[in-house]
Amino acid sequence: MTTTAPIADPRNLALAHYAARGLLEKVLARHGCTFQEQVVLRAAITGDASLSPDELVGQVQGSLKADPAEVRATVEELTAKGLLAVDGAHVHVTDAGRELYAAVGAQTAPITARVWGGIDAEDLAAAGRVLALVAERANAELAALSD
């Protein structure tokens, strides 16, 4: 019996995204954290140490395609929770924010390893190229719709 591999299409991409996001959200819920809060926290941790609140909002808005006001509200939520601190013109991740990020990473690492483990490196490279091209084209279409 020959099994035909599914073709990459918008539906399969969405199903994979939401399945993986669902896993992450289960872990985040244990910590009282939302997906958007985790994305903001990650951007603050991995970004430039002298990131301004507006730059952080812009980075996350660019990634999630979320309303900047929603992202700004998320920055405020993380600040109220003591996970971020806004020091004048800069945003800093607090020790509590780093601890949360590390805990979530430690809990998701074995799940990620099980999900991604055993996938052929050539398949991953091909999928990476396709996803990068789809993201590039979708971002161009989004920019054109915004004009």
N, C-alpha and C. Protein backbone atom coordinates (compact mmCIF):
# COMPACT_ATOMS: atom_id res chain seq x y z
N MET A 1 0.85 -1.18 0.00
CA MET A 1 0.00 0.00 0.00
C MET A 1 0.89 1.24 0.00
N THR A 2 0.60 2.17 -0.87
CA THR A 2 1.33 3.42 -0.96
C THR A 2 0.52 4.50 -0.26
N THR A 3 1.20 5.22 0.63
CA THR A 3 0.54 6.32 1.31
C THR A 3 1.07 7.62 0.73
N THR A 4 0.18 8.47 0.31
CA THR A 4 0.56 9.75 -0.25
C THR A 4 0.70 10.76 0.88
N ALA A 5 1.81 11.44 0.89
CA ALA A 5 2.05 12.47 1.91
C ALA A 5 1.10 13.64 1.67
N PRO A 6 0.63 14.25 2.76
CA PRO A 6 -0.24 15.42 2.57
C PRO A 6 0.53 16.57 1.93
N ILE A 7 -0.16 17.34 1.15
CA ILE A 7 0.43 18.51 0.51
C ILE A 7 0.38 19.68 1.49
N ALA A 8 1.45 20.42 1.55
CA ALA A 8 1.44 21.63 2.37
C ALA A 8 0.45 22.61 1.79
N ASP A 9 -0.48 23.04 2.63
CA ASP A 9 -1.46 24.03 2.19
C ASP A 9 -1.87 24.85 3.41
N PRO A 10 -2.66 25.91 3.20
CA PRO A 10 -3.02 26.77 4.33
C PRO A 10 -3.68 26.02 5.49
N ARG A 11 -4.53 25.06 5.19
CA ARG A 11 -5.21 24.32 6.26
C ARG A 11 -4.21 23.50 7.08
N ASN A 12 -3.32 22.77 6.41
CA ASN A 12 -2.34 21.97 7.14
C ASN A 12 -1.39 22.83 7.96
N LEU A 13 -1.02 23.98 7.41
CA LEU A 13 -0.19 24.91 8.15
C LEU A 13 -0.91 25.38 9.41
N ALA A 14 -2.18 25.75 9.25
CA ALA A 14 -2.96 26.22 10.40
C ALA A 14 -3.14 25.12 11.43
N LEU A 15 -3.42 23.90 11.00
CA LEU A 15 -3.59 22.79 11.94
C LEU A 15 -2.32 22.54 12.75
N ALA A 16 -1.17 22.58 12.07
CA ALA A 16 0.10 22.38 12.78
C ALA A 16 0.36 23.52 13.76
N HIS A 17 0.09 24.75 13.32
CA HIS A 17 0.30 25.91 14.19
C HIS A 17 -0.56 25.81 15.44
N TYR A 18 -1.85 25.55 15.26
CA TYR A 18 -2.74 25.53 16.41
C TYR A 18 -2.50 24.33 17.32
N ALA A 19 -2.06 23.21 16.78
CA ALA A 19 -1.72 22.06 17.62
C ALA A 19 -0.52 22.41 18.50
N ALA A 20 0.51 22.99 17.90
CA ALA A 20 1.70 23.36 18.67
C ALA A 20 1.39 24.48 19.66
N ARG A 21 0.61 25.44 19.24
CA ARG A 21 0.23 26.54 20.13
C ARG A 21 -0.59 26.01 21.30
N GLY A 22 -1.47 25.05 21.02
CA GLY A 22 -2.26 24.45 22.09
C GLY A 22 -1.39 23.82 23.15
N LEU A 23 -0.34 23.14 22.74
CA LEU A 23 0.60 22.56 23.71
C LEU A 23 1.23 23.64 24.57
N LEU A 24 1.72 24.69 23.92
CA LEU A 24 2.35 25.79 24.66
C LEU A 24 1.36 26.44 25.61
N GLU A 25 0.14 26.68 25.15
CA GLU A 25 -0.85 27.34 26.00
C GLU A 25 -1.21 26.50 27.23
N LYS A 26 -1.18 25.18 27.11
CA LYS A 26 -1.42 24.32 28.28
C LYS A 26 -0.34 24.55 29.33
N VAL A 27 0.90 24.63 28.90
CA VAL A 27 2.01 24.87 29.83
C VAL A 27 1.90 26.28 30.41
N LEU A 28 1.63 27.26 29.56
CA LEU A 28 1.52 28.64 30.02
C LEU A 28 0.40 28.81 31.05
N ALA A 29 -0.70 28.11 30.86
CA ALA A 29 -1.84 28.23 31.78
C ALA A 29 -1.45 27.81 33.19
N ARG A 30 -0.55 26.86 33.31
CA ARG A 30 -0.07 26.43 34.63
C ARG A 30 0.61 27.58 35.38
N HIS A 31 1.09 28.54 34.63
CA HIS A 31 1.83 29.67 35.20
C HIS A 31 1.01 30.96 35.19
N GLY A 32 -0.26 30.87 34.79
CA GLY A 32 -1.10 32.06 34.73
C GLY A 32 -0.65 33.03 33.66
N CYS A 33 -0.14 32.50 32.58
CA CYS A 33 0.43 33.33 31.50
C CYS A 33 -0.31 33.03 30.20
N THR A 34 -0.52 34.05 29.38
CA THR A 34 -1.16 33.87 28.09
C THR A 34 -0.11 33.74 26.99
N PHE A 35 -0.57 33.31 25.83
CA PHE A 35 0.31 33.19 24.67
C PHE A 35 0.94 34.53 24.33
N GLN A 36 0.12 35.58 24.27
CA GLN A 36 0.65 36.89 23.90
C GLN A 36 1.63 37.40 24.96
N GLU A 37 1.37 37.13 26.23
CA GLU A 37 2.32 37.53 27.27
C GLU A 37 3.66 36.83 27.08
N GLN A 38 3.61 35.55 26.72
CA GLN A 38 4.85 34.80 26.51
C GLN A 38 5.61 35.35 25.32
N VAL A 39 4.90 35.73 24.25
CA VAL A 39 5.57 36.28 23.07
C VAL A 39 6.24 37.61 23.42
N VAL A 40 5.55 38.45 24.18
CA VAL A 40 6.14 39.74 24.60
C VAL A 40 7.35 39.49 25.49
N LEU A 41 7.21 38.59 26.44
CA LEU A 41 8.32 38.28 27.34
C LEU A 41 9.52 37.75 26.57
N ARG A 42 9.26 36.87 25.63
CA ARG A 42 10.36 36.31 24.81
C ARG A 42 11.05 37.41 24.01
N ALA A 43 10.26 38.30 23.42
CA ALA A 43 10.85 39.40 22.64
C ALA A 43 11.70 40.29 23.54
N ALA A 44 11.24 40.53 24.75
CA ALA A 44 12.01 41.37 25.68
C ALA A 44 13.30 40.67 26.11
N ILE A 45 13.24 39.36 26.31
CA ILE A 45 14.43 38.61 26.75
C ILE A 45 15.44 38.48 25.62
N THR A 46 14.97 38.20 24.42
CA THR A 46 15.89 37.95 23.32
C THR A 46 16.26 39.21 22.55
N GLY A 47 15.59 40.32 22.85
CA GLY A 47 15.83 41.56 22.12
C GLY A 47 16.99 42.36 22.67
N ASP A 48 17.17 43.49 22.09
CA ASP A 48 18.21 44.44 22.50
C ASP A 48 17.97 44.88 23.94
N ALA A 49 19.04 44.94 24.72
CA ALA A 49 18.93 45.30 26.14
C ALA A 49 18.39 46.72 26.32
N SER A 50 18.51 47.56 25.32
CA SER A 50 18.04 48.94 25.45
C SER A 50 16.75 49.17 24.67
N LEU A 51 15.91 48.16 24.62
CA LEU A 51 14.65 48.22 23.89
C LEU A 51 13.68 49.18 24.58
N SER A 52 13.07 50.07 23.79
CA SER A 52 12.05 50.96 24.34
C SER A 52 10.71 50.23 24.34
N PRO A 53 9.75 50.69 25.14
CA PRO A 53 8.42 50.07 25.09
C PRO A 53 7.83 50.08 23.68
N ASP A 54 7.99 51.17 22.95
CA ASP A 54 7.45 51.25 21.59
C ASP A 54 8.15 50.26 20.65
N GLU A 55 9.45 50.08 20.82
CA GLU A 55 10.17 49.12 19.98
C GLU A 55 9.71 47.70 20.29
N LEU A 56 9.51 47.40 21.57
CA LEU A 56 9.02 46.08 21.96
C LEU A 56 7.63 45.84 21.36
N VAL A 57 6.76 46.81 21.48
CA VAL A 57 5.41 46.70 20.91
C VAL A 57 5.51 46.48 19.40
N GLY A 58 6.38 47.22 18.73
CA GLY A 58 6.55 47.08 17.28
C GLY A 58 7.03 45.70 16.88
N GLN A 59 7.98 45.15 17.65
CA GLN A 59 8.49 43.81 17.34
C GLN A 59 7.38 42.77 17.46
N VAL A 60 6.65 42.83 18.56
CA VAL A 60 5.60 41.84 18.79
C VAL A 60 4.46 42.03 17.79
N GLN A 61 4.10 43.26 17.52
CA GLN A 61 3.05 43.53 16.54
C GLN A 61 3.45 42.95 15.19
N GLY A 62 4.72 43.10 14.82
CA GLY A 62 5.20 42.55 13.57
C GLY A 62 5.15 41.03 13.53
N SER A 63 5.40 40.40 14.67
CA SER A 63 5.37 38.93 14.73
C SER A 63 3.95 38.38 14.74
N LEU A 64 3.11 38.94 15.61
CA LEU A 64 1.76 38.41 15.80
C LEU A 64 0.71 39.05 14.90
N LYS A 65 1.07 40.16 14.27
CA LYS A 65 0.09 40.93 13.47
C LYS A 65 -1.07 41.37 14.37
N ALA A 66 -0.76 41.65 15.61
CA ALA A 66 -1.76 42.06 16.60
C ALA A 66 -1.88 43.58 16.62
N ASP A 67 -2.98 44.05 17.12
CA ASP A 67 -3.21 45.48 17.28
C ASP A 67 -2.17 46.03 18.27
N PRO A 68 -1.47 47.10 17.91
CA PRO A 68 -0.47 47.66 18.82
C PRO A 68 -1.03 48.00 20.20
N ALA A 69 -2.29 48.43 20.27
CA ALA A 69 -2.90 48.75 21.56
C ALA A 69 -3.01 47.49 22.43
N GLU A 70 -3.31 46.35 21.81
CA GLU A 70 -3.38 45.08 22.55
C GLU A 70 -2.00 44.69 23.06
N VAL A 71 -0.99 44.86 22.22
CA VAL A 71 0.37 44.52 22.63
C VAL A 71 0.82 45.44 23.76
N ARG A 72 0.51 46.73 23.64
CA ARG A 72 0.85 47.69 24.69
C ARG A 72 0.16 47.28 26.01
N ALA A 73 -1.09 46.85 25.93
CA ALA A 73 -1.81 46.39 27.13
C ALA A 73 -1.12 45.16 27.72
N THR A 74 -0.61 44.29 26.87
CA THR A 74 0.10 43.10 27.35
C THR A 74 1.39 43.50 28.06
N VAL A 75 2.11 44.48 27.53
CA VAL A 75 3.32 44.98 28.20
C VAL A 75 2.93 45.51 29.58
N GLU A 76 1.83 46.24 29.65
CA GLU A 76 1.36 46.76 30.93
C GLU A 76 0.98 45.64 31.90
N GLU A 77 0.35 44.57 31.38
CA GLU A 77 -0.01 43.42 32.21
C GLU A 77 1.24 42.76 32.78
N LEU A 78 2.25 42.57 31.93
CA LEU A 78 3.48 41.94 32.38
C LEU A 78 4.21 42.82 33.41
N THR A 79 4.10 44.13 33.23
CA THR A 79 4.69 45.05 34.20
C THR A 79 3.94 44.96 35.53
N ALA A 80 2.62 44.91 35.47
CA ALA A 80 1.81 44.79 36.70
C ALA A 80 2.08 43.47 37.42
N LYS A 81 2.39 42.42 36.66
CA LYS A 81 2.70 41.11 37.26
C LYS A 81 4.14 41.05 37.80
N GLY A 82 4.92 42.10 37.53
CA GLY A 82 6.30 42.12 37.98
C GLY A 82 7.25 41.32 37.11
N LEU A 83 6.85 41.04 35.88
CA LEU A 83 7.69 40.27 34.97
C LEU A 83 8.52 41.16 34.05
N LEU A 84 8.03 42.36 33.82
CA LEU A 84 8.76 43.40 33.09
C LEU A 84 8.82 44.64 33.96
N ALA A 85 9.82 45.45 33.72
CA ALA A 85 9.91 46.75 34.37
C ALA A 85 10.22 47.79 33.30
N VAL A 86 9.49 48.89 33.33
CA VAL A 86 9.75 49.98 32.39
C VAL A 86 10.51 51.04 33.16
N ASP A 87 11.72 51.29 32.68
CA ASP A 87 12.62 52.24 33.33
C ASP A 87 12.81 53.41 32.37
N GLY A 88 11.92 54.38 32.45
CA GLY A 88 12.01 55.53 31.55
C GLY A 88 11.82 55.11 30.12
N ALA A 89 12.91 55.13 29.37
CA ALA A 89 12.84 54.84 27.94
C ALA A 89 13.12 53.37 27.60
N HIS A 90 13.33 52.52 28.61
CA HIS A 90 13.71 51.13 28.35
C HIS A 90 12.83 50.14 29.09
N VAL A 91 12.70 48.97 28.49
CA VAL A 91 11.99 47.86 29.12
C VAL A 91 13.04 46.85 29.56
N HIS A 92 12.88 46.36 30.79
CA HIS A 92 13.79 45.35 31.32
C HIS A 92 12.98 44.16 31.80
N VAL A 93 13.53 42.98 31.61
CA VAL A 93 12.91 41.77 32.13
C VAL A 93 13.37 41.62 33.57
N THR A 94 12.44 41.38 34.47
CA THR A 94 12.79 41.21 35.88
C THR A 94 13.29 39.78 36.11
N ASP A 95 13.84 39.55 37.30
CA ASP A 95 14.26 38.19 37.65
C ASP A 95 13.07 37.23 37.58
N ALA A 96 11.90 37.70 38.05
CA ALA A 96 10.70 36.86 38.00
C ALA A 96 10.33 36.54 36.55
N GLY A 97 10.49 37.50 35.65
CA GLY A 97 10.21 37.27 34.24
C GLY A 97 11.16 36.24 33.64
N ARG A 98 12.43 36.34 33.99
CA ARG A 98 13.42 35.37 33.49
C ARG A 98 13.14 33.98 34.05
N GLU A 99 12.74 33.92 35.32
CA GLU A 99 12.42 32.63 35.94
C GLU A 99 11.22 31.99 35.26
N LEU A 100 10.19 32.78 34.99
CA LEU A 100 9.01 32.25 34.31
C LEU A 100 9.39 31.75 32.92
N TYR A 101 10.13 32.53 32.19
CA TYR A 101 10.53 32.16 30.84
C TYR A 101 11.34 30.86 30.87
N ALA A 102 12.25 30.74 31.82
CA ALA A 102 13.07 29.53 31.95
C ALA A 102 12.21 28.33 32.33
N ALA A 103 11.26 28.52 33.24
CA ALA A 103 10.39 27.42 33.66
C ALA A 103 9.55 26.92 32.50
N VAL A 104 8.98 27.83 31.73
CA VAL A 104 8.17 27.44 30.58
C VAL A 104 9.06 26.72 29.56
N GLY A 105 10.24 27.23 29.34
CA GLY A 105 11.17 26.58 28.41
C GLY A 105 11.54 25.18 28.85
N ALA A 106 11.78 25.00 30.15
CA ALA A 106 12.13 23.68 30.67
C ALA A 106 10.96 22.70 30.53
N GLN A 107 9.76 23.20 30.71
CA GLN A 107 8.59 22.33 30.60
C GLN A 107 8.21 22.02 29.16
N THR A 108 8.48 22.93 28.25
CA THR A 108 8.13 22.68 26.85
C THR A 108 9.23 21.95 26.09
N ALA A 109 10.46 21.98 26.57
CA ALA A 109 11.57 21.34 25.85
C ALA A 109 11.33 19.85 25.58
N PRO A 110 10.92 19.06 26.56
CA PRO A 110 10.71 17.65 26.24
C PRO A 110 9.51 17.42 25.31
N ILE A 111 8.51 18.27 25.40
CA ILE A 111 7.37 18.17 24.49
C ILE A 111 7.83 18.48 23.07
N THR A 112 8.59 19.55 22.94
CA THR A 112 9.11 19.94 21.63
C THR A 112 9.98 18.83 21.05
N ALA A 113 10.80 18.22 21.89
CA ALA A 113 11.66 17.13 21.42
C ALA A 113 10.84 15.95 20.90
N ARG A 114 9.74 15.64 21.59
CA ARG A 114 8.89 14.54 21.13
C ARG A 114 8.18 14.89 19.82
N VAL A 115 7.73 16.14 19.71
CA VAL A 115 7.01 16.55 18.50
C VAL A 115 7.95 16.60 17.29
N TRP A 116 9.12 17.18 17.45
CA TRP A 116 10.03 17.38 16.33
C TRP A 116 11.03 16.25 16.14
N GLY A 117 11.20 15.42 17.16
CA GLY A 117 12.20 14.35 17.09
C GLY A 117 11.95 13.37 15.97
N GLY A 118 13.01 12.92 15.35
CA GLY A 118 12.91 11.90 14.32
C GLY A 118 12.51 12.39 12.95
N ILE A 119 12.29 13.68 12.81
CA ILE A 119 11.97 14.22 11.48
C ILE A 119 13.28 14.40 10.73
N ASP A 120 13.33 13.88 9.53
CA ASP A 120 14.53 13.94 8.72
C ASP A 120 15.01 15.38 8.52
N ALA A 121 16.31 15.58 8.62
CA ALA A 121 16.89 16.93 8.48
C ALA A 121 16.56 17.55 7.13
N GLU A 122 16.54 16.76 6.07
CA GLU A 122 16.20 17.29 4.74
C GLU A 122 14.74 17.74 4.70
N ASP A 123 13.86 16.99 5.36
CA ASP A 123 12.46 17.39 5.42
C ASP A 123 12.30 18.69 6.20
N LEU A 124 13.03 18.81 7.29
CA LEU A 124 12.97 20.04 8.08
C LEU A 124 13.49 21.23 7.28
N ALA A 125 14.55 21.01 6.53
CA ALA A 125 15.11 22.10 5.71
C ALA A 125 14.11 22.51 4.63
N ALA A 126 13.48 21.54 3.98
CA ALA A 126 12.49 21.86 2.95
C ALA A 126 11.30 22.59 3.55
N ALA A 127 10.82 22.09 4.68
CA ALA A 127 9.69 22.75 5.35
C ALA A 127 10.07 24.17 5.76
N GLY A 128 11.29 24.34 6.26
CA GLY A 128 11.74 25.68 6.65
C GLY A 128 11.76 26.64 5.47
N ARG A 129 12.23 26.16 4.33
CA ARG A 129 12.25 27.02 3.14
C ARG A 129 10.83 27.39 2.71
N VAL A 130 9.93 26.44 2.71
CA VAL A 130 8.55 26.70 2.30
C VAL A 130 7.89 27.68 3.28
N LEU A 131 8.05 27.44 4.58
CA LEU A 131 7.44 28.33 5.58
C LEU A 131 8.00 29.75 5.48
N ALA A 132 9.28 29.88 5.26
CA ALA A 132 9.87 31.22 5.12
C ALA A 132 9.30 31.93 3.89
N LEU A 133 9.14 31.21 2.79
CA LEU A 133 8.58 31.80 1.58
C LEU A 133 7.11 32.18 1.78
N VAL A 134 6.34 31.31 2.43
CA VAL A 134 4.93 31.61 2.70
C VAL A 134 4.83 32.84 3.59
N ALA A 135 5.65 32.92 4.64
CA ALA A 135 5.62 34.08 5.53
C ALA A 135 5.99 35.35 4.77
N GLU A 136 7.01 35.28 3.93
CA GLU A 136 7.43 36.45 3.14
C GLU A 136 6.30 36.93 2.23
N ARG A 137 5.67 35.99 1.54
CA ARG A 137 4.59 36.36 0.62
C ARG A 137 3.35 36.88 1.38
N ALA A 138 3.03 36.22 2.50
CA ALA A 138 1.87 36.67 3.27
C ALA A 138 2.11 38.06 3.85
N ASN A 139 3.32 38.33 4.32
CA ASN A 139 3.65 39.66 4.83
C ASN A 139 3.56 40.71 3.72
N ALA A 140 3.98 40.36 2.52
CA ALA A 140 3.86 41.30 1.39
C ALA A 140 2.40 41.56 1.07
N GLU A 141 1.56 40.52 1.08
CA GLU A 141 0.13 40.69 0.82
C GLU A 141 -0.52 41.54 1.92
N LEU A 142 -0.12 41.31 3.16
CA LEU A 142 -0.67 42.09 4.28
C LEU A 142 -0.28 43.56 4.12
N ALA A 143 0.95 43.82 3.74
CA ALA A 143 1.40 45.20 3.54
C ALA A 143 0.60 45.86 2.42
N ALA A 144 0.34 45.10 1.35
CA ALA A 144 -0.43 45.65 0.23
C ALA A 144 -1.87 45.96 0.64
N LEU A 145 -2.45 45.12 1.49
CA LEU A 145 -3.81 45.37 1.97
C LEU A 145 -3.87 46.57 2.91
N SER A 146 -2.76 46.85 3.57
CA SER A 146 -2.71 47.97 4.51
C SER A 146 -2.56 49.32 3.82
N ASP A 147 -2.13 49.30 2.58
CA ASP A 147 -1.90 50.55 1.84
C ASP A 147 -3.19 51.21 1.43
